[in-house]
Amino acid sequence: MPMPYYIYIVRTSEPGSNKPVSLVSEFDNFKQAKAEVRRLRSEIPLEDTLGYKIIFAEDTAEAEQKLSEFREQPIAKEWEK
């Protein structure tokens, strides 16, 4: 059985802190998850400190663990600016 894609609401404004997460839905493929996130972002906007995030994981425990890990912001290359 393939791993599902989960959509969560996460806190985006506090780097390095534990991000509270809230599960929104689960999908079997990325296309469906991406379409749902786009729909949610347009129809149900969140406050500035929250955002929708898609995560690929075996289960919700793994997804929430991945979401709580600190990740540095990627460095933008000159051609990406």
N, C-alpha and C. Protein backbone atom coordinates (compact mmCIF):
# COMPACT_ATOMS: atom_id res chain seq x y z
N MET A 1 0.85 -1.20 0.00
CA MET A 1 0.00 0.00 0.00
C MET A 1 0.89 1.25 0.00
N PRO A 2 0.62 2.20 -0.91
CA PRO A 2 1.44 3.40 -0.97
C PRO A 2 1.22 4.31 0.24
N MET A 3 2.24 5.11 0.53
CA MET A 3 2.12 6.05 1.65
C MET A 3 1.22 7.20 1.24
N PRO A 4 0.41 7.68 2.18
CA PRO A 4 -0.51 8.78 1.86
C PRO A 4 0.15 10.15 1.99
N TYR A 5 -0.53 11.13 1.43
CA TYR A 5 -0.16 12.54 1.57
C TYR A 5 -1.14 13.16 2.56
N TYR A 6 -0.60 13.84 3.55
CA TYR A 6 -1.42 14.48 4.58
C TYR A 6 -1.37 15.99 4.38
N ILE A 7 -2.48 16.64 4.64
CA ILE A 7 -2.53 18.11 4.64
C ILE A 7 -2.71 18.55 6.08
N TYR A 8 -1.82 19.42 6.51
CA TYR A 8 -1.85 19.95 7.87
C TYR A 8 -1.93 21.47 7.84
N ILE A 9 -2.42 22.03 8.93
CA ILE A 9 -2.29 23.47 9.19
C ILE A 9 -1.15 23.58 10.18
N VAL A 10 -0.13 24.39 9.84
CA VAL A 10 1.04 24.54 10.70
C VAL A 10 1.29 26.01 11.00
N ARG A 11 1.94 26.26 12.12
CA ARG A 11 2.36 27.62 12.48
C ARG A 11 3.64 27.90 11.73
N THR A 12 3.69 29.02 11.02
CA THR A 12 4.83 29.31 10.14
C THR A 12 5.76 30.40 10.65
N SER A 13 5.38 31.13 11.68
CA SER A 13 6.13 32.34 12.05
C SER A 13 7.16 32.15 13.15
N GLU A 14 7.27 30.97 13.75
CA GLU A 14 8.17 30.80 14.87
C GLU A 14 9.26 29.78 14.55
N PRO A 15 10.37 30.23 13.94
CA PRO A 15 11.42 29.28 13.58
C PRO A 15 12.05 28.66 14.82
N GLY A 16 12.29 27.36 14.76
CA GLY A 16 12.94 26.66 15.85
C GLY A 16 12.03 26.25 16.99
N SER A 17 10.81 26.69 17.00
CA SER A 17 9.90 26.29 18.07
C SER A 17 9.07 25.09 17.61
N ASN A 18 8.46 24.42 18.55
CA ASN A 18 7.57 23.32 18.18
C ASN A 18 6.38 23.90 17.44
N LYS A 19 6.15 23.38 16.27
CA LYS A 19 5.05 23.88 15.46
C LYS A 19 3.79 23.10 15.82
N PRO A 20 2.79 23.78 16.37
CA PRO A 20 1.52 23.06 16.55
C PRO A 20 0.93 22.73 15.19
N VAL A 21 0.45 21.52 15.06
CA VAL A 21 -0.10 21.09 13.78
C VAL A 21 -1.52 20.58 13.97
N SER A 22 -2.29 20.68 12.90
CA SER A 22 -3.66 20.21 12.93
C SER A 22 -3.94 19.51 11.60
N LEU A 23 -4.28 18.22 11.66
CA LEU A 23 -4.56 17.45 10.45
C LEU A 23 -5.85 17.93 9.80
N VAL A 24 -5.79 18.16 8.49
CA VAL A 24 -6.95 18.60 7.73
C VAL A 24 -7.54 17.43 6.95
N SER A 25 -6.69 16.74 6.17
CA SER A 25 -7.17 15.62 5.36
C SER A 25 -6.02 14.74 4.90
N GLU A 26 -6.38 13.65 4.22
CA GLU A 26 -5.41 12.65 3.75
C GLU A 26 -5.79 12.24 2.32
N PHE A 27 -4.77 12.08 1.46
CA PHE A 27 -5.01 11.71 0.07
C PHE A 27 -4.04 10.62 -0.35
N ASP A 28 -4.45 9.83 -1.35
CA ASP A 28 -3.61 8.75 -1.86
C ASP A 28 -2.61 9.20 -2.89
N ASN A 29 -2.86 10.35 -3.54
CA ASN A 29 -1.87 10.81 -4.51
C ASN A 29 -1.66 12.32 -4.40
N PHE A 30 -0.49 12.74 -4.88
CA PHE A 30 -0.07 14.13 -4.73
C PHE A 30 -0.97 15.09 -5.49
N LYS A 31 -1.40 14.71 -6.68
CA LYS A 31 -2.25 15.60 -7.48
C LYS A 31 -3.50 16.01 -6.72
N GLN A 32 -4.15 15.04 -6.08
CA GLN A 32 -5.36 15.34 -5.31
C GLN A 32 -5.03 16.23 -4.12
N ALA A 33 -3.94 15.92 -3.42
CA ALA A 33 -3.55 16.73 -2.25
C ALA A 33 -3.22 18.16 -2.67
N LYS A 34 -2.49 18.32 -3.76
CA LYS A 34 -2.12 19.65 -4.24
C LYS A 34 -3.36 20.46 -4.64
N ALA A 35 -4.30 19.81 -5.32
CA ALA A 35 -5.53 20.50 -5.72
C ALA A 35 -6.33 20.94 -4.49
N GLU A 36 -6.37 20.08 -3.47
CA GLU A 36 -7.11 20.42 -2.25
C GLU A 36 -6.45 21.58 -1.51
N VAL A 37 -5.12 21.59 -1.43
CA VAL A 37 -4.43 22.70 -0.76
C VAL A 37 -4.68 24.01 -1.50
N ARG A 38 -4.64 23.97 -2.81
CA ARG A 38 -4.94 25.19 -3.57
C ARG A 38 -6.36 25.67 -3.31
N ARG A 39 -7.30 24.74 -3.27
CA ARG A 39 -8.69 25.10 -2.98
C ARG A 39 -8.81 25.71 -1.58
N LEU A 40 -8.18 25.06 -0.60
CA LEU A 40 -8.24 25.57 0.77
C LEU A 40 -7.63 26.96 0.88
N ARG A 41 -6.49 27.16 0.25
CA ARG A 41 -5.82 28.46 0.32
C ARG A 41 -6.67 29.57 -0.30
N SER A 42 -7.42 29.24 -1.34
CA SER A 42 -8.25 30.27 -1.97
C SER A 42 -9.59 30.47 -1.26
N GLU A 43 -10.18 29.38 -0.76
CA GLU A 43 -11.52 29.48 -0.16
C GLU A 43 -11.50 29.68 1.35
N ILE A 44 -10.48 29.18 2.03
CA ILE A 44 -10.41 29.29 3.49
C ILE A 44 -9.03 29.82 3.89
N PRO A 45 -8.77 31.10 3.65
CA PRO A 45 -7.46 31.65 4.01
C PRO A 45 -7.25 31.62 5.53
N LEU A 46 -6.00 31.46 5.92
CA LEU A 46 -5.64 31.41 7.33
C LEU A 46 -4.98 32.71 7.74
N GLU A 47 -4.85 32.92 9.05
CA GLU A 47 -4.15 34.10 9.53
C GLU A 47 -2.68 34.02 9.11
N ASP A 48 -1.97 35.14 9.21
CA ASP A 48 -0.60 35.24 8.70
C ASP A 48 0.38 34.23 9.30
N THR A 49 0.17 33.82 10.54
CA THR A 49 1.12 32.93 11.20
C THR A 49 0.83 31.45 10.96
N LEU A 50 -0.21 31.15 10.18
CA LEU A 50 -0.55 29.75 9.90
C LEU A 50 -0.50 29.50 8.39
N GLY A 51 -0.29 28.23 8.03
CA GLY A 51 -0.27 27.88 6.62
C GLY A 51 -0.62 26.42 6.41
N TYR A 52 -1.02 26.10 5.19
CA TYR A 52 -1.31 24.71 4.82
C TYR A 52 -0.02 24.06 4.33
N LYS A 53 0.19 22.82 4.68
CA LYS A 53 1.38 22.10 4.28
C LYS A 53 1.02 20.67 3.91
N ILE A 54 1.60 20.16 2.81
CA ILE A 54 1.44 18.76 2.40
C ILE A 54 2.67 18.00 2.86
N ILE A 55 2.45 16.84 3.46
CA ILE A 55 3.57 16.01 3.91
C ILE A 55 3.31 14.57 3.50
N PHE A 56 4.36 13.89 3.05
CA PHE A 56 4.30 12.50 2.61
C PHE A 56 4.89 11.64 3.72
N ALA A 57 4.08 10.73 4.28
CA ALA A 57 4.55 9.91 5.40
C ALA A 57 3.75 8.62 5.50
N GLU A 58 4.30 7.66 6.26
CA GLU A 58 3.61 6.38 6.44
C GLU A 58 2.34 6.52 7.26
N ASP A 59 2.37 7.41 8.28
CA ASP A 59 1.21 7.61 9.14
C ASP A 59 1.25 9.01 9.73
N THR A 60 0.22 9.35 10.48
CA THR A 60 0.15 10.71 11.03
C THR A 60 1.25 10.98 12.05
N ALA A 61 1.66 9.96 12.80
CA ALA A 61 2.74 10.16 13.78
C ALA A 61 4.03 10.56 13.08
N GLU A 62 4.37 9.87 12.00
CA GLU A 62 5.58 10.22 11.25
C GLU A 62 5.44 11.60 10.61
N ALA A 63 4.26 11.90 10.08
CA ALA A 63 4.03 13.20 9.45
C ALA A 63 4.22 14.33 10.46
N GLU A 64 3.65 14.18 11.64
CA GLU A 64 3.76 15.22 12.66
C GLU A 64 5.18 15.35 13.17
N GLN A 65 5.91 14.24 13.24
CA GLN A 65 7.31 14.29 13.67
C GLN A 65 8.14 15.05 12.62
N LYS A 66 7.90 14.77 11.34
CA LYS A 66 8.62 15.49 10.28
C LYS A 66 8.29 16.98 10.30
N LEU A 67 7.04 17.31 10.52
CA LEU A 67 6.64 18.72 10.55
C LEU A 67 7.24 19.47 11.72
N SER A 68 7.54 18.77 12.81
CA SER A 68 8.09 19.45 13.99
C SER A 68 9.60 19.62 13.93
N GLU A 69 10.27 18.98 12.96
CA GLU A 69 11.72 19.12 12.82
C GLU A 69 12.07 20.52 12.34
N PHE A 70 13.17 21.05 12.87
CA PHE A 70 13.64 22.37 12.43
C PHE A 70 14.32 22.23 11.08
N ARG A 71 13.91 23.05 10.13
CA ARG A 71 14.54 23.06 8.81
C ARG A 71 14.95 24.48 8.49
N GLU A 72 16.21 24.64 8.12
CA GLU A 72 16.69 25.96 7.74
C GLU A 72 16.05 26.38 6.43
N GLN A 73 15.90 27.67 6.26
CA GLN A 73 15.36 28.20 5.01
C GLN A 73 16.37 27.90 3.90
N PRO A 74 15.91 27.48 2.73
CA PRO A 74 16.85 27.24 1.63
C PRO A 74 17.48 28.55 1.17
N ILE A 75 18.70 28.45 0.73
CA ILE A 75 19.40 29.63 0.22
C ILE A 75 19.01 29.80 -1.24
N ALA A 76 18.48 30.97 -1.57
CA ALA A 76 18.06 31.24 -2.94
C ALA A 76 19.28 31.49 -3.81
N LYS A 77 19.36 30.79 -4.90
CA LYS A 77 20.45 31.00 -5.86
C LYS A 77 20.16 32.27 -6.64
N GLU A 78 21.19 32.85 -7.23
CA GLU A 78 21.03 34.10 -7.95
C GLU A 78 19.96 34.04 -9.02
N TRP A 79 19.89 32.92 -9.75
CA TRP A 79 18.91 32.79 -10.83
C TRP A 79 17.49 32.53 -10.32
N GLU A 80 17.33 32.24 -9.02
CA GLU A 80 16.01 32.01 -8.44
C GLU A 80 15.36 33.27 -7.89
N LYS A 81 16.12 34.34 -7.82
CA LYS A 81 15.61 35.58 -7.23
C LYS A 81 14.73 36.32 -8.19
